[in-house]
C-alpha atoms as a PDB file:
ATOM      1  CA  MET A   1      22.652  31.082 -58.139  1.00  0.00           C
ATOM      2  CA  THR A   2      20.189  32.635 -55.716  1.00  0.00           C
ATOM      3  CA  ARG A   3      20.615  32.961 -51.977  1.00  0.00           C
ATOM      4  CA  GLY A   4      18.080  30.200 -51.491  1.00  0.00           C
ATOM      5  CA  SER A   5      19.919  27.752 -53.738  1.00  0.00           C
ATOM      6  CA  ARG A   6      23.323  28.557 -52.199  1.00  0.00           C
ATOM      7  CA  SER A   7      22.008  27.936 -48.708  1.00  0.00           C
ATOM      8  CA  ASP A   8      20.290  24.722 -49.753  1.00  0.00           C
ATOM      9  CA  ARG A   9      23.573  23.264 -51.078  1.00  0.00           C
ATOM     10  CA  THR A  10      24.932  23.251 -47.538  1.00  0.00           C
ATOM     11  CA  VAL A  11      22.329  20.631 -46.606  1.00  0.00           C
ATOM     12  CA  TYR A  12      23.972  18.146 -48.990  1.00  0.00           C
ATOM     13  CA  LEU A  13      27.516  19.157 -48.036  1.00  0.00           C
ATOM     14  CA  ARG A  14      26.824  18.691 -44.340  1.00  0.00           C
ATOM     15  CA  SER A  15      24.617  15.590 -44.409  1.00  0.00           C
ATOM     16  CA  HIS A  16      26.136  13.463 -47.207  1.00  0.00           C
ATOM     17  CA  PRO A  17      29.430  15.078 -48.319  1.00  0.00           C
ATOM     18  CA  LEU A  18      30.941  12.012 -49.991  1.00  0.00           C
ATOM     19  CA  LEU A  19      27.803  11.270 -51.982  1.00  0.00           C
ATOM     20  CA  PHE A  20      27.355  14.911 -52.985  1.00  0.00           C
ATOM     21  CA  VAL A  21      30.962  15.244 -54.189  1.00  0.00           C
ATOM     22  CA  LEU A  22      30.681  12.017 -56.200  1.00  0.00           C
ATOM     23  CA  LEU A  23      27.451  13.109 -57.869  1.00  0.00           C
ATOM     24  CA  ALA A  24      28.707  16.637 -58.548  1.00  0.00           C
ATOM     25  CA  ALA A  25      31.961  15.366 -60.074  1.00  0.00           C
ATOM     26  CA  THR A  26      30.176  12.992 -62.460  1.00  0.00           C
ATOM     27  CA  ARG A  27      27.000  14.918 -63.301  1.00  0.00           C
ATOM     28  CA  ARG A  28      28.130  15.901 -66.818  1.00  0.00           C
ATOM     29  CA  ARG A  29      28.179  12.224 -67.838  1.00  0.00           C
ATOM     30  CA  PRO A  30      24.692  10.988 -68.865  1.00  0.00           C
ATOM     31  CA  LEU A  31      25.586   7.527 -67.533  1.00  0.00           C
ATOM     32  CA  LEU A  32      28.811   6.477 -65.870  1.00  0.00           C
ATOM     33  CA  ARG A  33      29.840   2.933 -65.030  1.00  0.00           C
ATOM     34  CA  LEU A  34      31.937   2.312 -61.918  1.00  0.00           C
ATOM     35  CA  GLY A  35      32.391  -1.449 -61.865  1.00  0.00           C
ATOM     36  CA  ARG A  36      28.919  -2.976 -61.526  1.00  0.00           C
ATOM     37  CA  THR A  37      27.415   0.355 -60.440  1.00  0.00           C
ATOM     38  CA  VAL A  38      25.935   2.730 -63.021  1.00  0.00           C
ATOM     39  CA  LEU A  39      25.317   6.380 -62.152  1.00  0.00           C
ATOM     40  CA  VAL A  40      22.353   7.714 -64.135  1.00  0.00           C
ATOM     41  CA  HIS A  41      22.322  11.519 -64.360  1.00  0.00           C
ATOM     42  CA  HIS A  42      20.707  12.670 -67.590  1.00  0.00           C
ATOM     43  CA  PRO A  43      16.937  13.267 -67.531  1.00  0.00           C
ATOM     44  CA  ASP A  44      16.394  11.157 -70.653  1.00  0.00           C
ATOM     45  CA  ALA A  45      18.468   8.278 -69.267  1.00  0.00           C
ATOM     46  CA  TYR A  46      16.610   8.508 -65.962  1.00  0.00           C
ATOM     47  CA  ARG A  47      13.279   8.313 -67.779  1.00  0.00           C
ATOM     48  CA  GLU A  48      14.369   5.365 -69.929  1.00  0.00           C
ATOM     49  CA  VAL A  49      15.556   3.347 -66.937  1.00  0.00           C
ATOM     50  CA  LEU A  50      12.302   3.895 -65.042  1.00  0.00           C
ATOM     51  CA  THR A  51      10.016   3.266 -68.009  1.00  0.00           C
ATOM     52  CA  ARG A  52      11.847   0.667 -70.152  1.00  0.00           C
ATOM     53  CA  VAL A  53      14.382  -1.262 -68.079  1.00  0.00           C
ATOM     54  CA  PRO A  54      13.094  -4.188 -65.956  1.00  0.00           C
ATOM     55  CA  LEU A  55      14.091  -3.542 -62.341  1.00  0.00           C
ATOM     56  CA  ASP A  56      14.719  -6.032 -59.549  1.00  0.00           C
ATOM     57  CA  ARG A  57      12.785  -4.802 -56.512  1.00  0.00           C
ATOM     58  CA  THR A  58      14.472  -7.184 -54.055  1.00  0.00           C
ATOM     59  CA  ALA A  59      18.142  -6.787 -55.021  1.00  0.00           C
ATOM     60  CA  ALA A  60      20.730  -5.893 -52.389  1.00  0.00           C
ATOM     61  CA  HIS A  61      21.309  -2.177 -51.763  1.00  0.00           C
ATOM     62  CA  THR A  62      17.971  -1.153 -53.258  1.00  0.00           C
ATOM     63  CA  THR A  63      15.086   0.345 -51.287  1.00  0.00           C
ATOM     64  CA  GLY A  64      13.029  -2.820 -51.580  1.00  0.00           C
ATOM     65  CA  GLY A  65      15.946  -5.137 -50.959  1.00  0.00           C
ATOM     66  CA  THR A  66      16.977  -3.280 -47.825  1.00  0.00           C
ATOM     67  CA  ALA A  67      13.391  -3.291 -46.565  1.00  0.00           C
ATOM     68  CA  ALA A  68      13.004  -7.012 -47.180  1.00  0.00           C
ATOM     69  CA  ARG A  69      16.307  -7.827 -45.471  1.00  0.00           C
ATOM     70  CA  LEU A  70      15.530  -5.779 -42.380  1.00  0.00           C
ATOM     71  CA  THR A  71      11.889  -6.737 -41.921  1.00  0.00           C
ATOM     72  CA  GLY A  72      11.465 -10.111 -43.574  1.00  0.00           C
ATOM     73  CA  GLY A  73       8.040  -8.961 -44.716  1.00  0.00           C
ATOM     74  CA  SER A  74       6.261  -8.247 -47.973  1.00  0.00           C
ATOM     75  CA  LEU A  75       6.266  -4.494 -48.465  1.00  0.00           C
ATOM     76  CA  LEU A  76       5.148  -2.061 -51.117  1.00  0.00           C
ATOM     77  CA  PHE A  77       8.781  -1.436 -52.071  1.00  0.00           C
ATOM     78  CA  ASP A  78       9.750  -5.083 -52.588  1.00  0.00           C
ATOM     79  CA  GLN A  79       6.581  -6.616 -53.997  1.00  0.00           C
ATOM     80  CA  GLN A  80       6.451  -7.981 -57.510  1.00  0.00           C
ATOM     81  CA  GLY A  81       3.869  -8.167 -60.270  1.00  0.00           C
ATOM     82  CA  ALA A  82       0.162  -8.301 -59.333  1.00  0.00           C
ATOM     83  CA  GLU A  83       0.876  -7.989 -55.614  1.00  0.00           C
ATOM     84  CA  HIS A  84       2.724  -4.724 -56.194  1.00  0.00           C
ATOM     85  CA  ARG A  85       0.001  -3.341 -58.460  1.00  0.00           C
ATOM     86  CA  THR A  86      -2.736  -4.207 -55.939  1.00  0.00           C
ATOM     87  CA  ALA A  87      -0.850  -2.520 -53.102  1.00  0.00           C
ATOM     88  CA  ARG A  88      -0.296   0.592 -55.210  1.00  0.00           C
ATOM     89  CA  ARG A  89      -4.015   0.773 -56.072  1.00  0.00           C
ATOM     90  CA  GLU A  90      -4.969   0.552 -52.398  1.00  0.00           C
ATOM     91  CA  LEU A  91      -2.439   3.233 -51.499  1.00  0.00           C
ATOM     92  CA  ALA A  92      -3.524   5.439 -54.395  1.00  0.00           C
ATOM     93  CA  HIS A  93      -7.001   5.574 -52.864  1.00  0.00           C
ATOM     94  CA  LEU A  94      -5.564   6.991 -49.632  1.00  0.00           C
ATOM     95  CA  LEU A  95      -3.249   9.368 -51.481  1.00  0.00           C
ATOM     96  CA  GLY A  96      -5.686  10.445 -54.202  1.00  0.00           C
ATOM     97  CA  PRO A  97      -7.640  13.720 -54.307  1.00  0.00           C
ATOM     98  CA  ALA A  98     -10.262  12.538 -51.797  1.00  0.00           C
ATOM     99  CA  GLY A  99      -7.648  11.254 -49.363  1.00  0.00           C
ATOM    100  CA  VAL A 100      -5.608  14.455 -49.586  1.00  0.00           C
ATOM    101  CA  ALA A 101      -8.744  16.588 -49.120  1.00  0.00           C
ATOM    102  CA  ALA A 102      -9.629  14.608 -45.999  1.00  0.00           C
ATOM    103  CA  LEU A 103      -6.161  15.259 -44.546  1.00  0.00           C
ATOM    104  CA  GLN A 104      -6.183  19.020 -45.178  1.00  0.00           C
ATOM    105  CA  PRO A 105      -8.145  20.015 -42.004  1.00  0.00           C
ATOM    106  CA  LEU A 106      -5.777  17.921 -39.869  1.00  0.00           C
ATOM    107  CA  TRP A 107      -2.731  19.586 -41.441  1.00  0.00           C
ATOM    108  CA  GLN A 108      -4.238  23.049 -41.009  1.00  0.00           C
ATOM    109  CA  ARG A 109      -4.914  22.503 -37.307  1.00  0.00           C
ATOM    110  CA  ILE A 110      -1.320  21.433 -36.728  1.00  0.00           C
ATOM    111  CA  LEU A 111       0.119  24.351 -38.688  1.00  0.00           C
ATOM    112  CA  ASP A 112      -2.169  26.880 -37.006  1.00  0.00           C
ATOM    113  CA  ARG A 113      -1.106  25.654 -33.590  1.00  0.00           C
ATOM    114  CA  HIS A 114       2.604  25.870 -34.379  1.00  0.00           C
ATOM    115  CA  LEU A 115       2.660  28.869 -36.732  1.00  0.00           C
ATOM    116  CA  GLY A 116      -0.205  31.053 -35.587  1.00  0.00           C
ATOM    117  CA  ASP A 117       2.155  33.643 -34.108  1.00  0.00           C
ATOM    118  CA  LEU A 118       5.477  34.289 -35.803  1.00  0.00           C
ATOM    119  CA  THR A 119       6.327  37.531 -34.007  1.00  0.00           C
ATOM    120  CA  ALA A 120       8.901  35.448 -32.103  1.00  0.00           C
ATOM    121  CA  PRO A 121      11.235  32.910 -33.748  1.00  0.00           C
ATOM    122  CA  VAL A 122       9.591  29.562 -34.507  1.00  0.00           C
ATOM    123  CA  ASP A 123      11.322  26.341 -35.521  1.00  0.00           C
ATOM    124  CA  LEU A 124       9.547  24.790 -38.515  1.00  0.00           C
ATOM    125  CA  VAL A 125      11.045  21.339 -37.986  1.00  0.00           C
ATOM    126  CA  PRO A 126       8.883  20.301 -34.974  1.00  0.00           C
ATOM    127  CA  ALA A 127       5.763  21.554 -36.791  1.00  0.00           C
ATOM    128  CA  VAL A 128       6.606  19.553 -39.895  1.00  0.00           C
ATOM    129  CA  ARG A 129       7.555  16.516 -37.802  1.00  0.00           C
ATOM    130  CA  GLU A 130       4.091  16.461 -36.204  1.00  0.00           C
ATOM    131  CA  LEU A 131       2.494  17.041 -39.608  1.00  0.00           C
ATOM    132  CA  ALA A 132       4.422  14.115 -41.083  1.00  0.00           C
ATOM    133  CA  GLY A 133       3.703  11.833 -38.134  1.00  0.00           C
ATOM    134  CA  ALA A 134      -0.014  12.629 -38.196  1.00  0.00           C
ATOM    135  CA  THR A 135      -0.109  11.864 -41.927  1.00  0.00           C
ATOM    136  CA  ALA A 136       1.741   8.577 -41.448  1.00  0.00           C
ATOM    137  CA  ALA A 137      -0.646   7.627 -38.643  1.00  0.00           C
ATOM    138  CA  VAL A 138      -3.671   8.128 -40.914  1.00  0.00           C
ATOM    139  CA  LEU A 139      -2.081   6.234 -43.815  1.00  0.00           C
ATOM    140  CA  THR A 140      -1.119   3.259 -41.642  1.00  0.00           C
ATOM    141  CA  GLY A 141      -4.078   3.288 -39.234  1.00  0.00           C
ATOM    142  CA  SER A 142      -1.752   3.779 -36.254  1.00  0.00           C
ATOM    143  CA  ASP A 143      -3.039   5.295 -33.005  1.00  0.00           C
ATOM    144  CA  ALA A 144       0.477   6.186 -31.861  1.00  0.00           C
ATOM    145  CA  ASP A 145       1.372   9.748 -30.920  1.00  0.00           C
ATOM    146  CA  PRO A 146       2.270  11.474 -34.224  1.00  0.00           C
ATOM    147  CA  VAL A 147       5.568  12.883 -32.951  1.00  0.00           C
ATOM    148  CA  ARG A 148       6.601   9.532 -31.486  1.00  0.00           C
ATOM    149  CA  LEU A 149       5.718   7.793 -34.748  1.00  0.00           C
ATOM    150  CA  ALA A 150       7.647  10.362 -36.772  1.00  0.00           C
ATOM    151  CA  LEU A 151      10.749  10.074 -34.591  1.00  0.00           C
ATOM    152  CA  ALA A 152      10.670   6.276 -34.892  1.00  0.00           C
ATOM    153  CA  ALA A 153      10.407   6.557 -38.685  1.00  0.00           C
ATOM    154  CA  GLU A 154      13.301   9.034 -38.747  1.00  0.00           C
ATOM    155  CA  ARG A 155      15.523   6.742 -36.683  1.00  0.00           C
ATOM    156  CA  ALA A 156      14.647   3.725 -38.821  1.00  0.00           C
ATOM    157  CA  ALA A 157      15.481   5.627 -41.997  1.00  0.00           C
ATOM    158  CA  THR A 158      18.770   6.958 -40.620  1.00  0.00           C
ATOM    159  CA  ALA A 159      19.922   3.571 -39.368  1.00  0.00           C
ATOM    160  CA  THR A 160      18.912   1.872 -42.607  1.00  0.00           C
ATOM    161  CA  ALA A 161      20.623   4.457 -44.817  1.00  0.00           C
ATOM    162  CA  ARG A 162      23.900   3.931 -42.984  1.00  0.00           C
ATOM    163  CA  THR A 163      23.954   0.286 -44.087  1.00  0.00           C
ATOM    164  CA  HIS A 164      24.472   1.167 -47.755  1.00  0.00           C
ATOM    165  CA  LEU A 165      25.611   4.796 -48.118  1.00  0.00           C
ATOM    166  CA  PRO A 166      29.330   5.437 -48.855  1.00  0.00           C
ATOM    167  CA  ALA A 167      31.494   6.217 -45.825  1.00  0.00           C
ATOM    168  CA  LEU A 168      35.166   6.893 -45.110  1.00  0.00           C
ATOM    169  CA  LEU A 169      35.236   4.362 -42.268  1.00  0.00           C
ATOM    170  CA  PRO A 170      33.471   1.012 -41.758  1.00  0.00           C
ATOM    171  CA  ARG A 171      30.335   1.009 -39.645  1.00  0.00           C
ATOM    172  CA  PRO A 172      30.394  -2.188 -37.544  1.00  0.00           C
ATOM    173  CA  GLY A 173      27.023  -3.176 -36.171  1.00  0.00           C
ATOM    174  CA  SER A 174      25.080  -0.887 -38.522  1.00  0.00           C
ATOM    175  CA  GLY A 175      22.875  -3.725 -39.745  1.00  0.00           C
ATOM    176  CA  ARG A 176      21.980  -4.761 -36.191  1.00  0.00           C
ATOM    177  CA  ARG A 177      21.134  -1.177 -35.234  1.00  0.00           C
ATOM    178  CA  ALA A 178      18.988  -0.787 -38.341  1.00  0.00           C
ATOM    179  CA  ARG A 179      16.992  -3.931 -37.542  1.00  0.00           C
ATOM    180  CA  ARG A 180      16.345  -2.708 -33.991  1.00  0.00           C
ATOM    181  CA  ALA A 181      15.196   0.700 -35.243  1.00  0.00           C
ATOM    182  CA  VAL A 182      12.815  -0.890 -37.743  1.00  0.00           C
ATOM    183  CA  LEU A 183      11.385  -3.212 -35.073  1.00  0.00           C
ATOM    184  CA  ARG A 184      10.712  -0.245 -32.784  1.00  0.00           C
ATOM    185  CA  LEU A 185       8.854   1.461 -35.605  1.00  0.00           C
ATOM    186  CA  GLN A 186       6.848  -1.672 -36.396  1.00  0.00           C
ATOM    187  CA  GLU A 187       5.679  -1.850 -32.787  1.00  0.00           C
ATOM    188  CA  LEU A 188       3.774   1.405 -33.375  1.00  0.00           C
ATOM    189  CA  LEU A 189       1.946   0.104 -36.453  1.00  0.00           C
ATOM    190  CA  PRO A 190      -1.124  -2.157 -36.731  1.00  0.00           C
ATOM    191  CA  ASP A 191       0.485  -3.880 -39.712  1.00  0.00           C
ATOM    192  CA  PRO A 192       4.297  -4.184 -39.528  1.00  0.00           C
ATOM    193  CA  ARG A 193       4.408  -4.284 -43.333  1.00  0.00           C
ATOM    194  CA  ASP A 194       3.541  -0.582 -43.343  1.00  0.00           C
ATOM    195  CA  ALA A 195       6.932   0.333 -41.881  1.00  0.00           C
ATOM    196  CA  MET A 196       8.355   1.482 -45.205  1.00  0.00           C
ATOM    197  CA  LEU A 197       5.231   3.513 -45.927  1.00  0.00           C
ATOM    198  CA  ALA A 198       5.697   5.340 -42.619  1.00  0.00           C
ATOM    199  CA  VAL A 199       9.409   5.843 -43.327  1.00  0.00           C
ATOM    200  CA  ALA A 200       8.710   7.311 -46.757  1.00  0.00           C
ATOM    201  CA  ALA A 201       5.854   9.555 -45.595  1.00  0.00           C
ATOM    202  CA  VAL A 202       7.806  11.004 -42.680  1.00  0.00           C
ATOM    203  CA  ASN A 203      11.295  11.393 -44.080  1.00  0.00           C
ATOM    204  CA  THR A 204      10.425  12.903 -47.446  1.00  0.00           C
ATOM    205  CA  THR A 205       8.178  15.435 -45.705  1.00  0.00           C
ATOM    206  CA  LEU A 206      10.901  16.390 -43.227  1.00  0.00           C
ATOM    207  CA  ALA A 207      13.448  16.651 -46.024  1.00  0.00           C
ATOM    208  CA  ALA A 208      11.298  18.786 -48.315  1.00  0.00           C
ATOM    209  CA  LEU A 209       9.076  21.169 -46.367  1.00  0.00           C
ATOM    210  CA  PRO A 210      11.493  23.060 -44.070  1.00  0.00           C
ATOM    211  CA  ARG A 211      14.049  23.405 -46.867  1.00  0.00           C
ATOM    212  CA  ALA A 212      11.428  24.675 -49.304  1.00  0.00           C
ATOM    213  CA  ALA A 213      10.089  27.197 -46.783  1.00  0.00           C
ATOM    214  CA  ALA A 214      13.598  28.465 -46.005  1.00  0.00           C
ATOM    215  CA  TRP A 215      14.305  28.770 -49.740  1.00  0.00           C
ATOM    216  CA  CYS A 216      11.079  30.730 -50.190  1.00  0.00           C
ATOM    217  CA  ALA A 217      12.041  33.058 -47.335  1.00  0.00           C
ATOM    218  CA  ARG A 218      15.593  33.661 -48.528  1.00  0.00           C
ATOM    219  CA  ASP A 219      14.514  34.403 -52.102  1.00  0.00           C
ATOM    220  CA  ARG A 220      11.525  36.478 -50.912  1.00  0.00           C
ATOM    221  CA  LEU A 221       8.933  34.470 -52.827  1.00  0.00           C
ATOM    222  CA  TRP A 222       6.040  35.085 -50.448  1.00  0.00           C
ATOM    223  CA  GLU A 223       4.026  37.124 -52.937  1.00  0.00           C
ATOM    224  CA  GLN A 224       4.286  34.238 -55.390  1.00  0.00           C
ATOM    225  CA  ALA A 225       3.230  31.878 -52.589  1.00  0.00           C
ATOM    226  CA  ARG A 226       0.217  34.056 -51.910  1.00  0.00           C
ATOM    227  CA  ARG A 227      -0.811  34.125 -55.593  1.00  0.00           C
ATOM    228  CA  ASP A 228      -0.211  30.480 -56.530  1.00  0.00           C
ATOM    229  CA  ALA A 229       1.076  28.278 -53.733  1.00  0.00           C
ATOM    230  CA  PRO A 230       0.553  24.968 -55.636  1.00  0.00           C
ATOM    231  CA  ALA A 231       2.734  26.101 -58.572  1.00  0.00           C
ATOM    232  CA  LEU A 232       5.461  27.359 -56.253  1.00  0.00           C
ATOM    233  CA  ALA A 233       5.286  24.135 -54.233  1.00  0.00           C
ATOM    234  CA  ALA A 234       5.848  22.035 -57.361  1.00  0.00           C
ATOM    235  CA  GLU A 235       8.848  24.168 -58.348  1.00  0.00           C
ATOM    236  CA  LEU A 236      10.422  24.099 -54.887  1.00  0.00           C
ATOM    237  CA  LEU A 237      10.006  20.327 -54.700  1.00  0.00           C
ATOM    238  CA  ARG A 238      11.916  20.149 -57.988  1.00  0.00           C
ATOM    239  CA  ARG A 239      14.682  22.381 -56.666  1.00  0.00           C
ATOM    240  CA  THR A 240      15.064  20.627 -53.303  1.00  0.00           C
ATOM    241  CA  ALA A 241      14.674  17.044 -54.685  1.00  0.00           C
ATOM    242  CA  ALA A 242      14.047  15.520 -51.255  1.00  0.00           C
ATOM    243  CA  SER A 243      15.058  12.000 -52.383  1.00  0.00           C
ATOM    244  CA  PRO A 244      18.136  12.914 -54.450  1.00  0.00           C
ATOM    245  CA  VAL A 245      19.183   9.344 -55.345  1.00  0.00           C
ATOM    246  CA  LEU A 246      17.025   6.305 -56.071  1.00  0.00           C
ATOM    247  CA  PRO A 247      18.984   3.027 -55.670  1.00  0.00           C
ATOM    248  CA  ARG A 248      17.728   0.350 -58.037  1.00  0.00           C
ATOM    249  CA  ALA A 249      19.034  -2.804 -59.783  1.00  0.00           C
ATOM    250  CA  ALA A 250      18.632  -4.030 -63.356  1.00  0.00           C
ATOM    251  CA  ALA A 251      16.677  -7.280 -63.746  1.00  0.00           C
ATOM    252  CA  ALA A 252      17.654  -7.739 -67.406  1.00  0.00           C
ATOM    253  CA  ASP A 253      20.179  -6.548 -69.980  1.00  0.00           C
ATOM    254  CA  ALA A 254      19.291  -3.237 -71.625  1.00  0.00           C
ATOM    255  CA  THR A 255      20.714  -0.320 -73.572  1.00  0.00           C
ATOM    256  CA  VAL A 256      20.102   3.258 -72.418  1.00  0.00           C
ATOM    257  CA  LEU A 257      21.295   6.189 -74.537  1.00  0.00           C
ATOM    258  CA  GLY A 258      23.801   3.867 -76.191  1.00  0.00           C
ATOM    259  CA  HIS A 259      25.197   2.598 -72.884  1.00  0.00           C
ATOM    260  CA  ARG A 260      24.970  -1.083 -72.044  1.00  0.00           C
ATOM    261  CA  ILE A 261      23.330  -2.071 -68.763  1.00  0.00           C
ATOM    262  CA  ARG A 262      23.753  -5.639 -67.612  1.00  0.00           C
ATOM    263  CA  ARG A 263      21.439  -7.721 -65.503  1.00  0.00           C
ATOM    264  CA  GLY A 264      22.416  -7.307 -61.855  1.00  0.00           C
ATOM    265  CA  ASP A 265      23.973  -3.881 -62.301  1.00  0.00           C
ATOM    266  CA  ARG A 266      23.355  -1.526 -59.400  1.00  0.00           C
ATOM    267  CA  LEU A 267      21.704   1.648 -60.714  1.00  0.00           C
ATOM    268  CA  LEU A 268      22.014   4.920 -58.836  1.00  0.00           C
ATOM    269  CA  LEU A 269      19.318   7.090 -60.392  1.00  0.00           C
ATOM    270  CA  VAL A 270      20.212  10.683 -59.561  1.00  0.00           C
ATOM    271  CA  ALA A 271      16.761  12.227 -59.212  1.00  0.00           C
ATOM    272  CA  ARG A 272      18.332  15.574 -58.300  1.00  0.00           C
ATOM    273  CA  HIS A 273      19.987  15.832 -61.724  1.00  0.00           C
ATOM    274  CA  ALA A 274      17.048  14.344 -63.617  1.00  0.00           C
ATOM    275  CA  ALA A 275      14.941  17.109 -62.052  1.00  0.00           C
ATOM    276  CA  GLN A 276      17.632  19.620 -63.072  1.00  0.00           C
ATOM    277  CA  ALA A 277      17.499  20.891 -59.505  1.00  0.00           C
ATOM    278  CA  GLN A 278      20.771  22.755 -60.019  1.00  0.00           C
ATOM    279  CA  HIS A 279      19.140  24.970 -62.704  1.00  0.00           C
ATOM    280  CA  ASP A 280      16.769  27.889 -62.182  1.00  0.00           C
ATOM    281  CA  ALA A 281      14.584  26.735 -65.082  1.00  0.00           C
ATOM    282  CA  PRO A 282      14.294  23.128 -66.333  1.00  0.00           C
ATOM    283  CA  THR A 283      14.655  22.271 -70.010  1.00  0.00           C
ATOM    284  CA  HIS A 284      13.001  18.835 -69.862  1.00  0.00           C
ATOM    285  CA  SER A 285       9.245  18.494 -69.643  1.00  0.00           C
ATOM    286  CA  HIS A 286       9.401  15.736 -67.018  1.00  0.00           C
ATOM    287  CA  ALA A 287      11.896  17.513 -64.723  1.00  0.00           C
ATOM    288  CA  THR A 288       9.203  18.605 -62.248  1.00  0.00           C
ATOM    289  CA  ARG A 289       7.971  15.016 -61.889  1.00  0.00           C
ATOM    290  CA  ALA A 290      11.442  13.447 -61.708  1.00  0.00           C
ATOM    291  CA  PRO A 291      11.940  13.745 -57.915  1.00  0.00           C
ATOM    292  CA  PHE A 292       8.979  11.375 -57.517  1.00  0.00           C
ATOM    293  CA  GLY A 293      10.071   8.879 -60.166  1.00  0.00           C
ATOM    294  CA  LEU A 294       8.378   8.323 -63.514  1.00  0.00           C
ATOM    295  CA  GLY A 295       5.994   5.891 -65.192  1.00  0.00           C
ATOM    296  CA  PRO A 296       5.240   2.661 -63.292  1.00  0.00           C
ATOM    297  CA  HIS A 297       7.896   3.586 -60.736  1.00  0.00           C
ATOM    298  CA  SER A 298       6.452   6.976 -59.823  1.00  0.00           C
ATOM    299  CA  CYS A 299       5.777   7.731 -56.154  1.00  0.00           C
ATOM    300  CA  PRO A 300       2.046   7.510 -55.331  1.00  0.00           C
ATOM    301  CA  GLY A 301       2.525  10.220 -52.690  1.00  0.00           C
ATOM    302  CA  ALA A 302       3.572  12.995 -55.092  1.00  0.00           C
ATOM    303  CA  ALA A 303       0.221  14.802 -54.993  1.00  0.00           C
ATOM    304  CA  LEU A 304       0.146  14.575 -51.202  1.00  0.00           C
ATOM    305  CA  ALA A 305       3.640  16.099 -50.936  1.00  0.00           C
ATOM    306  CA  ARG A 306       2.690  18.996 -53.219  1.00  0.00           C
ATOM    307  CA  ALA A 307      -0.512  19.624 -51.247  1.00  0.00           C
ATOM    308  CA  GLN A 308       1.348  19.582 -47.912  1.00  0.00           C
ATOM    309  CA  LEU A 309       3.928  22.108 -49.108  1.00  0.00           C
ATOM    310  CA  ALA A 310       1.316  24.335 -50.766  1.00  0.00           C
ATOM    311  CA  LEU A 311      -0.617  24.498 -47.485  1.00  0.00           C
ATOM    312  CA  LEU A 312       2.539  25.293 -45.503  1.00  0.00           C
ATOM    313  CA  LEU A 313       3.478  28.098 -47.918  1.00  0.00           C
ATOM    314  CA  SER A 314      -0.069  29.483 -47.837  1.00  0.00           C
ATOM    315  CA  THR A 315      -0.034  29.474 -44.034  1.00  0.00           C
ATOM    316  CA  LEU A 316       3.323  31.263 -43.892  1.00  0.00           C
ATOM    317  CA  ALA A 317       2.732  33.752 -46.729  1.00  0.00           C
ATOM    318  CA  PRO A 318       0.728  36.362 -44.738  1.00  0.00           C
ATOM    319  CA  HIS A 319       3.611  36.602 -42.248  1.00  0.00           C
ATOM    320  CA  ARG A 320       6.310  36.877 -44.971  1.00  0.00           C
ATOM    321  CA  PRO A 321       8.795  35.270 -42.583  1.00  0.00           C
ATOM    322  CA  ARG A 322      12.547  35.565 -42.776  1.00  0.00           C
ATOM    323  CA  ALA A 323      14.830  32.555 -42.301  1.00  0.00           C
ATOM    324  CA  LEU A 324      16.850  33.393 -39.196  1.00  0.00           C
ATOM    325  CA  ARG A 325      18.886  30.222 -38.826  1.00  0.00           C
ATOM    326  CA  THR A 326      19.048  26.809 -40.480  1.00  0.00           C
ATOM    327  CA  VAL A 327      21.141  23.901 -39.246  1.00  0.00           C
ATOM    328  CA  PRO A 328      21.586  20.870 -41.542  1.00  0.00           C
ATOM    329  CA  HIS A 329      20.901  17.461 -40.020  1.00  0.00           C
ATOM    330  CA  SER A 330      24.237  15.696 -40.461  1.00  0.00           C
ATOM    331  CA  ALA A 331      22.858  12.256 -39.557  1.00  0.00           C
ATOM    332  CA  SER A 332      19.562  12.227 -41.459  1.00  0.00           C
ATOM    333  CA  ALA A 333      18.757   9.653 -44.121  1.00  0.00           C
ATOM    334  CA  LEU A 334      17.719  12.392 -46.566  1.00  0.00           C
ATOM    335  CA  PRO A 335      19.184  15.911 -46.838  1.00  0.00           C
ATOM    336  CA  SER A 336      17.274  17.732 -44.100  1.00  0.00           C
ATOM    337  CA  TYR A 337      17.398  20.500 -41.515  1.00  0.00           C
ATOM    338  CA  ARG A 338      17.744  19.778 -37.811  1.00  0.00           C
ATOM    339  CA  THR A 339      16.630  23.369 -37.094  1.00  0.00           C
ATOM    340  CA  CYS A 340      14.853  25.919 -39.300  1.00  0.00           C
ATOM    341  CA  LEU A 341      14.087  29.121 -37.382  1.00  0.00           C
ATOM    342  CA  VAL A 342      11.801  31.689 -39.008  1.00  0.00           C
ATOM    343  CA  ARG A 343      10.149  34.888 -37.828  1.00  0.00           C
ATOM    344  CA  ALA A 344       7.639  37.286 -39.349  1.00  0.00           C
ATOM    345  CA  SER A 345       9.290  40.164 -41.180  1.00  0.00           C
END
């Protein structure tokens, strides 16, 4: 285990200790049933569930179900059939090669302003927060301040995650707080239905980019970043697995790797293990794509995430920065840093 991977484990241990311990203790089981909940660890099982098993997008404790309950709207994550496919096609246009190319100058201006001089310590988190908020503003058509939009999306994600993540003690009022946070985010958007798009764009970026940059610094990968930043970005996104667990629900009976799945079962798809993030080199061909889902359930923003990280690594590479201090964000929805201080070496 490298220094980068050891340090990155602390993000999980500090932000979601119960979930991390549960997943680590059961990861050697391809699928494990705990009552009506099925943990899906193995890359082949993960692929089969996402490509062969009908999934209920509006079930309780799923991404779509939580979104529908909190907003009462029709969102990308809870739509069904033709409506879902149409929304994905429209989003794919914004997130395709042309859309990503159009965003690159905006990203570069933000990074240059924050990271132009690394002779003194610089915190990557505010830079990435503005980058994520500016991206979300373009994708949703919002004219809100990018940092304000990003903070609202962070708070909505954190409050929402607390309604269904495991905890030692009950969380009274968590649903009410989540609804208020989502409403505050929706007030910044032209179309309130884009709330989940903003949440996804902001929180996955904040979870992935600072951690990947710190990993790169600790393992001294800057020469590799200089030579081929896109390839390194794809690998670091596999290792960090920004969305480590995908909560889903089965819409029909199925069999996966010899294990029976019943309609209504809650499925916890462990993207971190499907991506083999705990290994230096993956053995499954789809491991690099696994953090973004697979098949019809793949994330349309995967190319955008890889392009964002590649640009960040390319911007940092000439400075060859060292990671001075990283502080995990104990309250974040996804495993993230609250602080990530770097300085040119």
